[in-house]
Amino acid sequence: MNYEFHTAAEAEHLESVAYYESRQPGLGASYLAEFESAMENVCQAPHRYPVERRPDIRRATLQRFPYTILYREVGEVVQVLAVAHQRRRPEYWLGRL
């Protein structure tokens, strides 16, 4: 299974990469590597992660960085709805459903 971004989710994801890279060279790459690893796990077994909002929105949490990936399955694709910072604006992404 592959994944694709909601347009707004891709923008916030790329902003996070740029932010971490600006803070320390190589940190953006570390964030990106952790995100890619998490998405590889999600794509292998999307139902393994807990439901965030019924009926089908699930969440996967990054370990090193304070972000939660909110996603759902759409056919044979995992759609990333948000890459949400865990301490900011809860549920702001609901308008993307």
Protein backbone atom coordinates (compact mmCIF):
# COMPACT_ATOMS: atom_id res chain seq x y z
CA MET A 1 0.00 0.00 0.00
CA ASN A 2 1.16 3.54 -0.75
CA TYR A 3 0.30 6.88 0.81
CA GLU A 4 -0.63 10.30 -0.46
CA PHE A 5 -1.03 13.65 1.25
CA HIS A 6 -4.01 15.89 1.56
CA THR A 7 -2.68 19.15 0.05
CA ALA A 8 -2.73 20.98 3.39
CA ALA A 9 -1.06 18.05 5.17
CA GLU A 10 1.78 18.02 2.67
CA ALA A 11 2.34 21.74 3.19
CA GLU A 12 2.50 21.41 6.98
CA HIS A 13 4.79 18.39 6.68
CA LEU A 14 7.23 20.30 4.45
CA GLU A 15 7.10 23.29 6.81
CA SER A 16 8.15 20.99 9.65
CA VAL A 17 11.08 19.63 7.64
CA ALA A 18 12.22 23.19 6.84
CA TYR A 19 11.75 24.34 10.45
CA TYR A 20 13.86 21.54 11.92
CA GLU A 21 16.53 21.93 9.26
CA SER A 22 16.75 25.67 10.03
CA ARG A 23 17.18 24.92 13.73
CA GLN A 24 20.06 22.50 13.19
CA PRO A 25 21.52 21.12 9.96
CA GLY A 26 20.51 17.48 9.59
CA LEU A 27 17.58 17.70 12.02
CA GLY A 28 15.11 18.13 9.17
CA ALA A 29 16.49 14.99 7.57
CA SER A 30 16.07 13.15 10.89
CA TYR A 31 12.45 14.28 11.10
CA LEU A 32 11.88 13.18 7.51
CA ALA A 33 13.47 9.77 8.14
CA GLU A 34 11.26 9.19 11.18
CA PHE A 35 8.16 10.26 9.26
CA GLU A 36 9.01 7.93 6.37
CA SER A 37 9.61 5.04 8.77
CA ALA A 38 6.27 5.67 10.48
CA MET A 39 4.47 5.80 7.14
CA GLU A 40 6.13 2.57 6.03
CA ASN A 41 4.70 0.91 9.15
CA VAL A 42 1.29 2.50 8.59
CA CYS A 43 1.19 1.31 4.98
CA GLN A 44 2.10 -2.24 6.01
CA ALA A 45 -0.67 -2.48 8.61
CA PRO A 46 -2.96 0.57 8.69
CA HIS A 47 -5.47 -1.06 11.06
CA ARG A 48 -2.80 -1.57 13.71
CA TYR A 49 -3.09 2.04 14.85
CA PRO A 50 -5.85 3.41 17.09
CA VAL A 51 -8.93 5.18 15.78
CA GLU A 52 -8.78 8.91 16.49
CA ARG A 53 -12.22 9.76 15.14
CA ARG A 54 -14.89 7.34 14.03
CA PRO A 55 -15.45 5.75 11.69
CA ASP A 56 -12.07 5.56 9.97
CA ILE A 57 -9.57 8.26 10.99
CA ARG A 58 -6.50 6.74 12.65
CA ARG A 59 -3.37 8.15 14.23
CA ALA A 60 0.29 7.20 14.35
CA THR A 61 2.65 9.09 16.64
CA LEU A 62 6.26 9.92 15.90
CA GLN A 63 8.66 8.95 18.68
CA ARG A 64 11.35 11.63 18.60
CA PHE A 65 9.32 14.54 17.28
CA PRO A 66 6.04 15.85 18.76
CA TYR A 67 3.82 15.04 15.78
CA THR A 68 0.87 12.79 15.13
CA ILE A 69 0.04 11.54 11.65
CA LEU A 70 -3.72 11.43 11.08
CA TYR A 71 -4.79 9.26 8.18
CA ARG A 72 -7.47 7.09 6.64
CA GLU A 73 -7.60 4.39 4.03
CA VAL A 74 -9.15 5.38 0.74
CA GLY A 75 -9.32 2.30 -1.44
CA GLU A 76 -5.77 0.98 -1.74
CA VAL A 77 -4.14 4.22 -0.56
CA VAL A 78 -3.44 5.69 2.86
CA GLN A 79 -4.47 9.35 2.79
CA VAL A 80 -2.51 11.54 5.21
CA LEU A 81 -4.96 14.17 6.46
CA ALA A 82 -2.64 15.98 8.85
CA VAL A 83 0.81 15.95 10.35
CA ALA A 84 -0.30 17.63 13.54
CA HIS A 85 1.90 19.07 16.25
CA GLN A 86 0.81 17.46 19.50
CA ARG A 87 0.73 20.71 21.49
CA ARG A 88 -1.03 23.03 19.04
CA ARG A 89 -4.56 23.52 17.71
CA PRO A 90 -6.27 20.21 18.46
CA GLU A 91 -8.61 18.94 15.75
CA TYR A 92 -7.90 21.84 13.38
CA TRP A 93 -7.71 19.26 10.59
CA LEU A 94 -11.39 18.24 10.81
CA GLY A 95 -12.22 20.58 7.93
CA ARG A 96 -10.19 18.31 5.65
CA LEU A 97 -12.62 15.40 5.89
